[in-house]
Amino acid sequence: METTYSIADISNETGLSIDVIRYYERIGVLPAVKRKENGHRAYSKSDLARFTFITQLKRTQMPLKEIERYIRYYNEGDFEACYRTLHAHKLGIERQLAELHDILGVMNYKLENYQQLIQSKE
């Protein structure tokens, strides 16, 4: 028997609120989820993996419209478009990382400078 997850399980695993999960379903980021006999949602491991990936994309500042587009390409089997979408986003992340690395270098320099100024006063 396949393991299923409740909406609370998905929320706990991904950090998404239950309202956000329901919203993502409504806008089609996930296909209609199966329901148990009592009407409660029953998510699959595949659903959990998709929500986890969506959460990761959101954490890297991918706009929801772009995530929706990516999901639509995936559902249509347009894997070249999936690749292009993720590749473009990856390049943006790499640019951000390079910028953050440069900023971190400046911050470390300033911190060292302040530390020397503090020590010189003692």
PDB file of N, CA and C in Angstrom:
ATOM      1  N   MET A   1       0.841  -1.179   0.000  1.00  0.00           N
ATOM      2  CA  MET A   1       0.000   0.000   0.000  1.00  0.00           C
ATOM      3  C   MET A   1       0.886   1.243   0.000  1.00  0.00           C
ATOM      4  N   GLU A   2       0.569   2.186  -0.848  1.00  0.00           N
ATOM      5  CA  GLU A   2       1.355   3.412  -0.978  1.00  0.00           C
ATOM      6  C   GLU A   2       1.135   4.323   0.223  1.00  0.00           C
ATOM      7  N   THR A   3       2.231   4.906   0.701  1.00  0.00           N
ATOM      8  CA  THR A   3       2.153   5.859   1.801  1.00  0.00           C
ATOM      9  C   THR A   3       1.440   7.114   1.316  1.00  0.00           C
ATOM     10  N   THR A   4       0.532   7.612   2.144  1.00  0.00           N
ATOM     11  CA  THR A   4      -0.131   8.870   1.828  1.00  0.00           C
ATOM     12  C   THR A   4       0.124   9.863   2.945  1.00  0.00           C
ATOM     13  N   TYR A   5      -0.002  11.130   2.586  1.00  0.00           N
ATOM     14  CA  TYR A   5       0.253  12.216   3.521  1.00  0.00           C
ATOM     15  C   TYR A   5      -0.975  13.100   3.606  1.00  0.00           C
ATOM     16  N   SER A   6      -1.264  13.564   4.806  1.00  0.00           N
ATOM     17  CA  SER A   6      -2.367  14.509   4.992  1.00  0.00           C
ATOM     18  C   SER A   6      -1.867  15.904   4.634  1.00  0.00           C
ATOM     19  N   ILE A   7      -2.779  16.845   4.555  1.00  0.00           N
ATOM     20  CA  ILE A   7      -2.385  18.225   4.273  1.00  0.00           C
ATOM     21  C   ILE A   7      -1.499  18.763   5.414  1.00  0.00           C
ATOM     22  N   ALA A   8      -1.766  18.337   6.638  1.00  0.00           N
ATOM     23  CA  ALA A   8      -0.932  18.741   7.780  1.00  0.00           C
ATOM     24  C   ALA A   8       0.480  18.166   7.643  1.00  0.00           C
ATOM     25  N   ASP A   9       0.586  16.923   7.162  1.00  0.00           N
ATOM     26  CA  ASP A   9       1.900  16.313   6.935  1.00  0.00           C
ATOM     27  C   ASP A   9       2.692  17.118   5.904  1.00  0.00           C
ATOM     28  N   ILE A  10       2.027  17.475   4.817  1.00  0.00           N
ATOM     29  CA  ILE A  10       2.688  18.254   3.758  1.00  0.00           C
ATOM     30  C   ILE A  10       3.133  19.600   4.331  1.00  0.00           C
ATOM     31  N   SER A  11       2.278  20.223   5.112  1.00  0.00           N
ATOM     32  CA  SER A  11       2.609  21.502   5.737  1.00  0.00           C
ATOM     33  C   SER A  11       3.832  21.364   6.641  1.00  0.00           C
ATOM     34  N   ASN A  12       3.847  20.323   7.471  1.00  0.00           N
ATOM     35  CA  ASN A  12       4.975  20.095   8.379  1.00  0.00           C
ATOM     36  C   ASN A  12       6.270  19.807   7.631  1.00  0.00           C
ATOM     37  N   GLU A  13       6.182  19.035   6.557  1.00  0.00           N
ATOM     38  CA  GLU A  13       7.377  18.655   5.804  1.00  0.00           C
ATOM     39  C   GLU A  13       7.966  19.814   5.007  1.00  0.00           C
ATOM     40  N   THR A  14       7.104  20.707   4.504  1.00  0.00           N
ATOM     41  CA  THR A  14       7.566  21.759   3.600  1.00  0.00           C
ATOM     42  C   THR A  14       7.641  23.140   4.235  1.00  0.00           C
ATOM     43  N   GLY A  15       6.938  23.325   5.340  1.00  0.00           N
ATOM     44  CA  GLY A  15       6.875  24.650   5.942  1.00  0.00           C
ATOM     45  C   GLY A  15       5.826  25.551   5.303  1.00  0.00           C
ATOM     46  N   LEU A  16       5.111  25.024   4.315  1.00  0.00           N
ATOM     47  CA  LEU A  16       4.036  25.794   3.688  1.00  0.00           C
ATOM     48  C   LEU A  16       2.808  25.754   4.585  1.00  0.00           C
ATOM     49  N   SER A  17       2.077  26.847   4.632  1.00  0.00           N
ATOM     50  CA  SER A  17       0.841  26.833   5.412  1.00  0.00           C
ATOM     51  C   SER A  17      -0.210  26.010   4.660  1.00  0.00           C
ATOM     52  N   ILE A  18      -1.188  25.552   5.395  1.00  0.00           N
ATOM     53  CA  ILE A  18      -2.277  24.777   4.788  1.00  0.00           C
ATOM     54  C   ILE A  18      -3.002  25.628   3.752  1.00  0.00           C
ATOM     55  N   ASP A  19      -3.188  26.917   4.035  1.00  0.00           N
ATOM     56  CA  ASP A  19      -3.838  27.811   3.068  1.00  0.00           C
ATOM     57  C   ASP A  19      -3.049  27.916   1.777  1.00  0.00           C
ATOM     58  N   VAL A  20      -1.724  27.998   1.878  1.00  0.00           N
ATOM     59  CA  VAL A  20      -0.882  28.077   0.674  1.00  0.00           C
ATOM     60  C   VAL A  20      -0.979  26.779  -0.116  1.00  0.00           C
ATOM     61  N   ILE A  21      -0.985  25.655   0.573  1.00  0.00           N
ATOM     62  CA  ILE A  21      -1.103  24.364  -0.109  1.00  0.00           C
ATOM     63  C   ILE A  21      -2.417  24.309  -0.886  1.00  0.00           C
ATOM     64  N   ARG A  22      -3.504  24.703  -0.235  1.00  0.00           N
ATOM     65  CA  ARG A  22      -4.801  24.719  -0.919  1.00  0.00           C
ATOM     66  C   ARG A  22      -4.782  25.676  -2.101  1.00  0.00           C
ATOM     67  N   TYR A  23      -4.140  26.839  -1.946  1.00  0.00           N
ATOM     68  CA  TYR A  23      -4.040  27.812  -3.034  1.00  0.00           C
ATOM     69  C   TYR A  23      -3.262  27.218  -4.212  1.00  0.00           C
ATOM     70  N   TYR A  24      -2.148  26.573  -3.945  1.00  0.00           N
ATOM     71  CA  TYR A  24      -1.358  25.951  -5.010  1.00  0.00           C
ATOM     72  C   TYR A  24      -2.178  24.908  -5.764  1.00  0.00           C
ATOM     73  N   GLU A  25      -3.014  24.182  -5.056  1.00  0.00           N
ATOM     74  CA  GLU A  25      -3.898  23.217  -5.718  1.00  0.00           C
ATOM     75  C   GLU A  25      -4.900  23.940  -6.605  1.00  0.00           C
ATOM     76  N   ARG A  26      -5.477  25.024  -6.067  1.00  0.00           N
ATOM     77  CA  ARG A  26      -6.496  25.778  -6.805  1.00  0.00           C
ATOM     78  C   ARG A  26      -5.956  26.356  -8.108  1.00  0.00           C
ATOM     79  N   ILE A  27      -4.705  26.833  -8.089  1.00  0.00           N
ATOM     80  CA  ILE A  27      -4.151  27.448  -9.297  1.00  0.00           C
ATOM     81  C   ILE A  27      -3.510  26.431 -10.232  1.00  0.00           C
ATOM     82  N   GLY A  28      -3.500  25.161  -9.832  1.00  0.00           N
ATOM     83  CA  GLY A  28      -3.032  24.110 -10.727  1.00  0.00           C
ATOM     84  C   GLY A  28      -1.567  23.744 -10.601  1.00  0.00           C
ATOM     85  N   VAL A  29      -0.902  24.226  -9.557  1.00  0.00           N
ATOM     86  CA  VAL A  29       0.486  23.834  -9.360  1.00  0.00           C
ATOM     87  C   VAL A  29       0.555  22.333  -9.080  1.00  0.00           C
ATOM     88  N   LEU A  30      -0.488  21.820  -8.474  1.00  0.00           N
ATOM     89  CA  LEU A  30      -0.640  20.373  -8.299  1.00  0.00           C
ATOM     90  C   LEU A  30      -1.938  19.935  -8.947  1.00  0.00           C
ATOM     91  N   PRO A  31      -1.937  18.774  -9.575  1.00  0.00           N
ATOM     92  CA  PRO A  31      -3.215  18.267 -10.087  1.00  0.00           C
ATOM     93  C   PRO A  31      -4.156  17.960  -8.927  1.00  0.00           C
ATOM     94  N   ALA A  32      -5.409  17.788  -9.223  1.00  0.00           N
ATOM     95  CA  ALA A  32      -6.387  17.472  -8.174  1.00  0.00           C
ATOM     96  C   ALA A  32      -5.874  16.280  -7.369  1.00  0.00           C
ATOM     97  N   VAL A  33      -5.871  16.461  -6.072  1.00  0.00           N
ATOM     98  CA  VAL A  33      -5.337  15.438  -5.192  1.00  0.00           C
ATOM     99  C   VAL A  33      -6.430  14.403  -4.892  1.00  0.00           C
ATOM    100  N   LYS A  34      -5.982  13.177  -4.671  1.00  0.00           N
ATOM    101  CA  LYS A  34      -6.928  12.124  -4.319  1.00  0.00           C
ATOM    102  C   LYS A  34      -7.508  12.406  -2.947  1.00  0.00           C
ATOM    103  N   ARG A  35      -8.709  11.920  -2.753  1.00  0.00           N
ATOM    104  CA  ARG A  35      -9.385  12.098  -1.459  1.00  0.00           C
ATOM    105  C   ARG A  35      -9.663  10.726  -0.845  1.00  0.00           C
ATOM    106  N   LYS A  36      -9.584  10.688   0.469  1.00  0.00           N
ATOM    107  CA  LYS A  36      -9.959   9.474   1.191  1.00  0.00           C
ATOM    108  C   LYS A  36     -11.482   9.409   1.243  1.00  0.00           C
ATOM    109  N   GLU A  37     -11.991   8.298   1.752  1.00  0.00           N
ATOM    110  CA  GLU A  37     -13.447   8.120   1.860  1.00  0.00           C
ATOM    111  C   GLU A  37     -14.088   9.214   2.712  1.00  0.00           C
ATOM    112  N   ASN A  38     -13.338   9.731   3.688  1.00  0.00           N
ATOM    113  CA  ASN A  38     -13.876  10.768   4.559  1.00  0.00           C
ATOM    114  C   ASN A  38     -13.742  12.176   3.955  1.00  0.00           C
ATOM    115  N   GLY A  39     -13.208  12.261   2.728  1.00  0.00           N
ATOM    116  CA  GLY A  39     -13.070  13.545   2.044  1.00  0.00           C
ATOM    117  C   GLY A  39     -11.748  14.242   2.276  1.00  0.00           C
ATOM    118  N   HIS A  40     -10.935  13.718   3.185  1.00  0.00           N
ATOM    119  CA  HIS A  40      -9.638  14.333   3.459  1.00  0.00           C
ATOM    120  C   HIS A  40      -8.664  14.065   2.311  1.00  0.00           C
ATOM    121  N   ARG A  41      -7.786  15.024   2.070  1.00  0.00           N
ATOM    122  CA  ARG A  41      -6.793  14.870   1.016  1.00  0.00           C
ATOM    123  C   ARG A  41      -5.815  13.749   1.377  1.00  0.00           C
ATOM    124  N   ALA A  42      -5.360  13.037   0.343  1.00  0.00           N
ATOM    125  CA  ALA A  42      -4.373  11.975   0.514  1.00  0.00           C
ATOM    126  C   ALA A  42      -3.269  12.195  -0.520  1.00  0.00           C
ATOM    127  N   TYR A  43      -2.191  12.837  -0.080  1.00  0.00           N
ATOM    128  CA  TYR A  43      -1.078  13.157  -0.977  1.00  0.00           C
ATOM    129  C   TYR A  43      -0.139  11.975  -1.108  1.00  0.00           C
ATOM    130  N   SER A  44       0.474  11.859  -2.276  1.00  0.00           N
ATOM    131  CA  SER A  44       1.442  10.790  -2.531  1.00  0.00           C
ATOM    132  C   SER A  44       2.861  11.298  -2.271  1.00  0.00           C
ATOM    133  N   LYS A  45       3.819  10.379  -2.328  1.00  0.00           N
ATOM    134  CA  LYS A  45       5.228  10.772  -2.209  1.00  0.00           C
ATOM    135  C   LYS A  45       5.593  11.729  -3.338  1.00  0.00           C
ATOM    136  N   SER A  46       5.037  11.495  -4.503  1.00  0.00           N
ATOM    137  CA  SER A  46       5.284  12.373  -5.651  1.00  0.00           C
ATOM    138  C   SER A  46       4.761  13.782  -5.385  1.00  0.00           C
ATOM    139  N   ASP A  47       3.579  13.875  -4.768  1.00  0.00           N
ATOM    140  CA  ASP A  47       3.025  15.190  -4.405  1.00  0.00           C
ATOM    141  C   ASP A  47       3.943  15.891  -3.409  1.00  0.00           C
ATOM    142  N   LEU A  48       4.414  15.152  -2.410  1.00  0.00           N
ATOM    143  CA  LEU A  48       5.317  15.718  -1.413  1.00  0.00           C
ATOM    144  C   LEU A  48       6.589  16.223  -2.087  1.00  0.00           C
ATOM    145  N   ALA A  49       7.138  15.437  -2.996  1.00  0.00           N
ATOM    146  CA  ALA A  49       8.354  15.842  -3.704  1.00  0.00           C
ATOM    147  C   ALA A  49       8.107  17.119  -4.508  1.00  0.00           C
ATOM    148  N   ARG A  50       6.943  17.221  -5.139  1.00  0.00           N
ATOM    149  CA  ARG A  50       6.632  18.409  -5.925  1.00  0.00           C
ATOM    150  C   ARG A  50       6.512  19.640  -5.022  1.00  0.00           C
ATOM    151  N   PHE A  51       5.815  19.501  -3.906  1.00  0.00           N
ATOM    152  CA  PHE A  51       5.691  20.618  -2.970  1.00  0.00           C
ATOM    153  C   PHE A  51       7.066  21.025  -2.421  1.00  0.00           C
ATOM    154  N   THR A  52       7.904  20.041  -2.146  1.00  0.00           N
ATOM    155  CA  THR A  52       9.246  20.325  -1.639  1.00  0.00           C
ATOM    156  C   THR A  52      10.039  21.118  -2.675  1.00  0.00           C
ATOM    157  N   PHE A  53       9.960  20.708  -3.929  1.00  0.00           N
ATOM    158  CA  PHE A  53      10.683  21.409  -4.994  1.00  0.00           C
ATOM    159  C   PHE A  53      10.129  22.818  -5.184  1.00  0.00           C
ATOM    160  N   ILE A  54       8.825  22.958  -5.157  1.00  0.00           N
ATOM    161  CA  ILE A  54       8.206  24.282  -5.283  1.00  0.00           C
ATOM    162  C   ILE A  54       8.689  25.186  -4.156  1.00  0.00           C
ATOM    163  N   THR A  55       8.766  24.636  -2.950  1.00  0.00           N
ATOM    164  CA  THR A  55       9.250  25.402  -1.800  1.00  0.00           C
ATOM    165  C   THR A  55      10.692  25.842  -2.032  1.00  0.00           C
ATOM    166  N   GLN A  56      11.502  24.962  -2.580  1.00  0.00           N
ATOM    167  CA  GLN A  56      12.888  25.317  -2.869  1.00  0.00           C
ATOM    168  C   GLN A  56      12.960  26.424  -3.925  1.00  0.00           C
ATOM    169  N   LEU A  57      12.131  26.321  -4.952  1.00  0.00           N
ATOM    170  CA  LEU A  57      12.112  27.360  -5.982  1.00  0.00           C
ATOM    171  C   LEU A  57      11.697  28.703  -5.378  1.00  0.00           C
ATOM    172  N   LYS A  58      10.670  28.685  -4.524  1.00  0.00           N
ATOM    173  CA  LYS A  58      10.223  29.922  -3.878  1.00  0.00           C
ATOM    174  C   LYS A  58      11.342  30.515  -3.004  1.00  0.00           C
ATOM    175  N   ARG A  59      12.076  29.671  -2.313  1.00  0.00           N
ATOM    176  CA  ARG A  59      13.162  30.150  -1.451  1.00  0.00           C
ATOM    177  C   ARG A  59      14.286  30.791  -2.252  1.00  0.00           C
ATOM    178  N   THR A  60      14.383  30.442  -3.511  1.00  0.00           N
ATOM    179  CA  THR A  60      15.402  31.040  -4.374  1.00  0.00           C
ATOM    180  C   THR A  60      14.808  32.186  -5.197  1.00  0.00           C
ATOM    181  N   GLN A  61      13.664  32.671  -4.745  1.00  0.00           N
ATOM    182  CA  GLN A  61      13.018  33.855  -5.316  1.00  0.00           C
ATOM    183  C   GLN A  61      12.441  33.660  -6.721  1.00  0.00           C
ATOM    184  N   MET A  62      12.137  32.417  -7.098  1.00  0.00           N
ATOM    185  CA  MET A  62      11.452  32.221  -8.380  1.00  0.00           C
ATOM    186  C   MET A  62      10.012  32.697  -8.204  1.00  0.00           C
ATOM    187  N   PRO A  63       9.555  33.595  -9.076  1.00  0.00           N
ATOM    188  CA  PRO A  63       8.175  34.071  -8.965  1.00  0.00           C
ATOM    189  C   PRO A  63       7.168  32.933  -9.169  1.00  0.00           C
ATOM    190  N   LEU A  64       6.039  33.044  -8.484  1.00  0.00           N
ATOM    191  CA  LEU A  64       5.022  32.002  -8.578  1.00  0.00           C
ATOM    192  C   LEU A  64       4.554  31.807 -10.018  1.00  0.00           C
ATOM    193  N   LYS A  65       4.449  32.893 -10.787  1.00  0.00           N
ATOM    194  CA  LYS A  65       4.038  32.774 -12.204  1.00  0.00           C
ATOM    195  C   LYS A  65       5.020  31.901 -12.979  1.00  0.00           C
ATOM    196  N   GLU A  66       6.296  32.040 -12.667  1.00  0.00           N
ATOM    197  CA  GLU A  66       7.317  31.231 -13.344  1.00  0.00           C
ATOM    198  C   GLU A  66       7.221  29.772 -12.901  1.00  0.00           C
ATOM    199  N   ILE A  67       6.928  29.553 -11.630  1.00  0.00           N
ATOM    200  CA  ILE A  67       6.737  28.185 -11.134  1.00  0.00           C
ATOM    201  C   ILE A  67       5.529  27.562 -11.826  1.00  0.00           C
ATOM    202  N   GLU A  68       4.451  28.318 -11.929  1.00  0.00           N
ATOM    203  CA  GLU A  68       3.250  27.823 -12.627  1.00  0.00           C
ATOM    204  C   GLU A  68       3.590  27.438 -14.064  1.00  0.00           C
ATOM    205  N   ARG A  69       4.363  28.293 -14.732  1.00  0.00           N
ATOM    206  CA  ARG A  69       4.757  28.016 -16.129  1.00  0.00           C
ATOM    207  C   ARG A  69       5.575  26.733 -16.192  1.00  0.00           C
ATOM    208  N   TYR A  70       6.538  26.597 -15.283  1.00  0.00           N
ATOM    209  CA  TYR A  70       7.365  25.394 -15.240  1.00  0.00           C
ATOM    210  C   TYR A  70       6.492  24.153 -15.056  1.00  0.00           C
ATOM    211  N   ILE A  71       5.545  24.203 -14.122  1.00  0.00           N
ATOM    212  CA  ILE A  71       4.652  23.067 -13.863  1.00  0.00           C
ATOM    213  C   ILE A  71       3.808  22.766 -15.101  1.00  0.00           C
ATOM    214  N   ARG A  72       3.325  23.801 -15.759  1.00  0.00           N
ATOM    215  CA  ARG A  72       2.536  23.591 -16.978  1.00  0.00           C
ATOM    216  C   ARG A  72       3.381  22.889 -18.044  1.00  0.00           C
ATOM    217  N   TYR A  73       4.619  23.351 -18.230  1.00  0.00           N
ATOM    218  CA  TYR A  73       5.520  22.686 -19.195  1.00  0.00           C
ATOM    219  C   TYR A  73       5.716  21.224 -18.813  1.00  0.00           C
ATOM    220  N   TYR A  74       5.922  20.971 -17.525  1.00  0.00           N
ATOM    221  CA  TYR A  74       6.127  19.603 -17.056  1.00  0.00           C
ATOM    222  C   TYR A  74       4.899  18.750 -17.349  1.00  0.00           C
ATOM    223  N   ASN A  75       3.721  19.279 -17.018  1.00  0.00           N
ATOM    224  CA  ASN A  75       2.481  18.524 -17.241  1.00  0.00           C
ATOM    225  C   ASN A  75       2.228  18.264 -18.723  1.00  0.00           C
ATOM    226  N   GLU A  76       2.685  19.178 -19.574  1.00  0.00           N
ATOM    227  CA  GLU A  76       2.522  19.022 -21.023  1.00  0.00           C
ATOM    228  C   GLU A  76       3.603  18.127 -21.628  1.00  0.00           C
ATOM    229  N   GLY A  77       4.601  17.750 -20.823  1.00  0.00           N
ATOM    230  CA  GLY A  77       5.696  16.928 -21.333  1.00  0.00           C
ATOM    231  C   GLY A  77       6.709  17.718 -22.139  1.00  0.00           C
ATOM    232  N   ASP A  78       6.716  19.037 -22.006  1.00  0.00           N
ATOM    233  CA  ASP A  78       7.655  19.900 -22.726  1.00  0.00           C
ATOM    234  C   ASP A  78       8.922  20.041 -21.883  1.00  0.00           C
ATOM    235  N   PHE A  79       9.741  18.993 -21.943  1.00  0.00           N
ATOM    236  CA  PHE A  79      10.909  18.938 -21.080  1.00  0.00           C
ATOM    237  C   PHE A  79      11.996  19.918 -21.501  1.00  0.00           C
ATOM    238  N   GLU A  80      12.031  20.289 -22.774  1.00  0.00           N
ATOM    239  CA  GLU A  80      12.979  21.318 -23.212  1.00  0.00           C
ATOM    240  C   GLU A  80      12.638  22.653 -22.549  1.00  0.00           C
ATOM    241  N   ALA A  81      11.347  22.979 -22.486  1.00  0.00           N
ATOM    242  CA  ALA A  81      10.925  24.218 -21.825  1.00  0.00           C
ATOM    243  C   ALA A  81      11.193  24.139 -20.323  1.00  0.00           C
ATOM    244  N   CYS A  82      11.010  22.966 -19.732  1.00  0.00           N
ATOM    245  CA  CYS A  82      11.346  22.776 -18.310  1.00  0.00           C
ATOM    246  C   CYS A  82      12.829  23.068 -18.102  1.00  0.00           C
ATOM    247  N   TYR A  83      13.649  22.512 -18.974  1.00  0.00           N
ATOM    248  CA  TYR A  83      15.089  22.710 -18.869  1.00  0.00           C
ATOM    249  C   TYR A  83      15.438  24.189 -18.995  1.00  0.00           C
ATOM    250  N   ARG A  84      14.894  24.852 -19.998  1.00  0.00           N
ATOM    251  CA  ARG A  84      15.188  26.279 -20.208  1.00  0.00           C
ATOM    252  C   ARG A  84      14.787  27.108 -18.990  1.00  0.00           C
ATOM    253  N   THR A  85      13.617  26.822 -18.455  1.00  0.00           N
ATOM    254  CA  THR A  85      13.113  27.566 -17.299  1.00  0.00           C
ATOM    255  C   THR A  85      14.029  27.392 -16.092  1.00  0.00           C
ATOM    256  N   LEU A  86      14.370  26.140 -15.780  1.00  0.00           N
ATOM    257  CA  LEU A  86      15.227  25.880 -14.621  1.00  0.00           C
ATOM    258  C   LEU A  86      16.650  26.387 -14.852  1.00  0.00           C
ATOM    259  N   HIS A  87      17.130  26.258 -16.082  1.00  0.00           N
ATOM    260  CA  HIS A  87      18.486  26.715 -16.385  1.00  0.00           C
ATOM    261  C   HIS A  87      18.586  28.231 -16.226  1.00  0.00           C
ATOM    262  N   ALA A  88      17.616  28.959 -16.719  1.00  0.00           N
ATOM    263  CA  ALA A  88      17.617  30.422 -16.584  1.00  0.00           C
ATOM    264  C   ALA A  88      17.583  30.804 -15.106  1.00  0.00           C
ATOM    265  N   HIS A  89      16.773  30.101 -14.331  1.00  0.00           N
ATOM    266  CA  HIS A  89      16.685  30.395 -12.897  1.00  0.00           C
ATOM    267  C   HIS A  89      18.010  30.066 -12.207  1.00  0.00           C
ATOM    268  N   LYS A  90      18.623  28.962 -12.582  1.00  0.00           N
ATOM    269  CA  LYS A  90      19.921  28.565 -12.016  1.00  0.00           C
ATOM    270  C   LYS A  90      20.963  29.637 -12.284  1.00  0.00           C
ATOM    271  N   LEU A  91      20.995  30.183 -13.493  1.00  0.00           N
ATOM    272  CA  LEU A  91      21.955  31.241 -13.816  1.00  0.00           C
ATOM    273  C   LEU A  91      21.725  32.465 -12.929  1.00  0.00           C
ATOM    274  N   GLY A  92      20.463  32.791 -12.670  1.00  0.00           N
ATOM    275  CA  GLY A  92      20.145  33.901 -11.776  1.00  0.00           C
ATOM    276  C   GLY A  92      20.631  33.646 -10.365  1.00  0.00           C
ATOM    277  N   ILE A  93      20.461  32.416  -9.898  1.00  0.00           N
ATOM    278  CA  ILE A  93      20.935  32.049  -8.558  1.00  0.00           C
ATOM    279  C   ILE A  93      22.458  32.183  -8.496  1.00  0.00           C
ATOM    280  N   GLU A  94      23.134  31.717  -9.540  1.00  0.00           N
ATOM    281  CA  GLU A  94      24.592  31.814  -9.563  1.00  0.00           C
ATOM    282  C   GLU A  94      25.056  33.276  -9.538  1.00  0.00           C
ATOM    283  N   ARG A  95      24.347  34.149 -10.252  1.00  0.00           N
ATOM    284  CA  ARG A  95      24.680  35.580 -10.214  1.00  0.00           C
ATOM    285  C   ARG A  95      24.488  36.131  -8.801  1.00  0.00           C
ATOM    286  N   GLN A  96      23.366  35.753  -8.178  1.00  0.00           N
ATOM    287  CA  GLN A  96      23.097  36.195  -6.803  1.00  0.00           C
ATOM    288  C   GLN A  96      24.183  35.712  -5.841  1.00  0.00           C
ATOM    289  N   LEU A  97      24.584  34.460  -6.000  1.00  0.00           N
ATOM    290  CA  LEU A  97      25.626  33.909  -5.126  1.00  0.00           C
ATOM    291  C   LEU A  97      26.937  34.672  -5.292  1.00  0.00           C
ATOM    292  N   ALA A  98      27.286  35.012  -6.528  1.00  0.00           N
ATOM    293  CA  ALA A  98      28.513  35.768  -6.777  1.00  0.00           C
ATOM    294  C   ALA A  98      28.424  37.147  -6.121  1.00  0.00           C
ATOM    295  N   GLU A  99      27.284  37.800  -6.257  1.00  0.00           N
ATOM    296  CA  GLU A  99      27.091  39.111  -5.631  1.00  0.00           C
ATOM    297  C   GLU A  99      27.183  38.997  -4.110  1.00  0.00           C
ATOM    298  N   LEU A 100      26.517  37.995  -3.556  1.00  0.00           N
ATOM    299  CA  LEU A 100      26.550  37.799  -2.105  1.00  0.00           C
ATOM    300  C   LEU A 100      27.967  37.509  -1.621  1.00  0.00           C
ATOM    301  N   HIS A 101      28.710  36.755  -2.398  1.00  0.00           N
ATOM    302  CA  HIS A 101      30.091  36.450  -2.048  1.00  0.00           C
ATOM    303  C   HIS A 101      30.912  37.745  -1.992  1.00  0.00           C
ATOM    304  N   ASP A 102      30.725  38.620  -2.979  1.00  0.00           N
ATOM    305  CA  ASP A 102      31.429  39.902  -2.994  1.00  0.00           C
ATOM    306  C   ASP A 102      31.036  40.751  -1.783  1.00  0.00           C
ATOM    307  N   ILE A 103      29.751  40.810  -1.497  1.00  0.00           N
ATOM    308  CA  ILE A 103      29.257  41.590  -0.358  1.00  0.00           C
ATOM    309  C   ILE A 103      29.815  41.032   0.943  1.00  0.00           C
ATOM    310  N   LEU A 104      29.850  39.718   1.045  1.00  0.00           N
ATOM    311  CA  LEU A 104      30.393  39.079   2.245  1.00  0.00           C
ATOM    312  C   LEU A 104      31.858  39.457   2.430  1.00  0.00           C
ATOM    313  N   GLY A 105      32.606  39.529   1.354  1.00  0.00           N
ATOM    314  CA  GLY A 105      34.009  39.941   1.433  1.00  0.00           C
ATOM    315  C   GLY A 105      34.143  41.351   1.993  1.00  0.00           C
ATOM    316  N   VAL A 106      33.287  42.268   1.528  1.00  0.00           N
ATOM    317  CA  VAL A 106      33.306  43.648   2.035  1.00  0.00           C
ATOM    318  C   VAL A 106      32.929  43.668   3.515  1.00  0.00           C
ATOM    319  N   MET A 107      31.914  42.918   3.887  1.00  0.00           N
ATOM    320  CA  MET A 107      31.496  42.872   5.287  1.00  0.00           C
ATOM    321  C   MET A 107      32.606  42.324   6.173  1.00  0.00           C
ATOM    322  N   ASN A 108      33.274  41.273   5.733  1.00  0.00           N
ATOM    323  CA  ASN A 108      34.385  40.706   6.516  1.00  0.00           C
ATOM    324  C   ASN A 108      35.496  41.729   6.683  1.00  0.00           C
ATOM    325  N   TYR A 109      35.804  42.471   5.621  1.00  0.00           N
ATOM    326  CA  TYR A 109      36.828  43.518   5.689  1.00  0.00           C
ATOM    327  C   TYR A 109      36.436  44.568   6.730  1.00  0.00           C
ATOM    328  N   LYS A 110      35.178  45.021   6.676  1.00  0.00           N
ATOM    329  CA  LYS A 110      34.697  46.037   7.621  1.00  0.00           C
ATOM    330  C   LYS A 110      34.737  45.504   9.055  1.00  0.00           C
ATOM    331  N   LEU A 111      34.283  44.268   9.250  1.00  0.00           N
ATOM    332  CA  LEU A 111      34.299  43.676  10.589  1.00  0.00           C
ATOM    333  C   LEU A 111      35.721  43.600  11.148  1.00  0.00           C
ATOM    334  N   GLU A 112      36.660  43.183  10.315  1.00  0.00           N
ATOM    335  CA  GLU A 112      38.053  43.129  10.751  1.00  0.00           C
ATOM    336  C   GLU A 112      38.554  44.529  11.113  1.00  0.00           C
ATOM    337  N   ASN A 113      38.197  45.512  10.297  1.00  0.00           N
ATOM    338  CA  ASN A 113      38.595  46.887  10.553  1.00  0.00           C
ATOM    339  C   ASN A 113      38.025  47.369  11.895  1.00  0.00           C
ATOM    340  N   TYR A 114      36.725  47.119  12.124  1.00  0.00           N
ATOM    341  CA  TYR A 114      36.113  47.528  13.387  1.00  0.00           C
ATOM    342  C   TYR A 114      36.754  46.814  14.576  1.00  0.00           C
ATOM    343  N   GLN A 115      37.068  45.561  14.379  1.00  0.00           N
ATOM    344  CA  GLN A 115      37.696  44.810  15.466  1.00  0.00           C
ATOM    345  C   GLN A 115      39.055  45.428  15.824  1.00  0.00           C
ATOM    346  N   GLN A 116      39.805  45.823  14.806  1.00  0.00           N
ATOM    347  CA  GLN A 116      41.108  46.469  15.062  1.00  0.00           C
ATOM    348  C   GLN A 116      40.902  47.814  15.763  1.00  0.00           C
ATOM    349  N   LEU A 117      39.884  48.574  15.345  1.00  0.00           N
ATOM    350  CA  LEU A 117      39.607  49.872  15.988  1.00  0.00           C
ATOM    351  C   LEU A 117      39.216  49.682  17.458  1.00  0.00           C
ATOM    352  N   ILE A 118      38.409  48.662  17.712  1.00  0.00           N
ATOM    353  CA  ILE A 118      37.978  48.372  19.087  1.00  0.00           C
ATOM    354  C   ILE A 118      39.180  47.988  19.939  1.00  0.00           C
ATOM    355  N   GLN A 119      40.022  47.123  19.397  1.00  0.00           N
ATOM    356  CA  GLN A 119      41.198  46.652  20.149  1.00  0.00           C
ATOM    357  C   GLN A 119      42.190  47.789  20.396  1.00  0.00           C
ATOM    358  N   SER A 120      42.285  48.735  19.463  1.00  0.00           N
ATOM    359  CA  SER A 120      43.227  49.836  19.634  1.00  0.00           C
ATOM    360  C   SER A 120      42.790  50.802  20.726  1.00  0.00           C
ATOM    361  N   LYS A 121      41.499  50.810  21.062  1.00  0.00           N
ATOM    362  CA  LYS A 121      40.976  51.665  22.125  1.00  0.00           C
ATOM    363  C   LYS A 121      41.206  51.065  23.499  1.00  0.00           C
ATOM    364  N   GLU A 122      41.444  49.771  23.565  1.00  0.00           N
ATOM    365  CA  GLU A 122      41.573  49.091  24.867  1.00  0.00           C
ATOM    366  C   GLU A 122      42.915  49.321  25.484  1.00  0.00           C
TER     367      GLU A 122
END
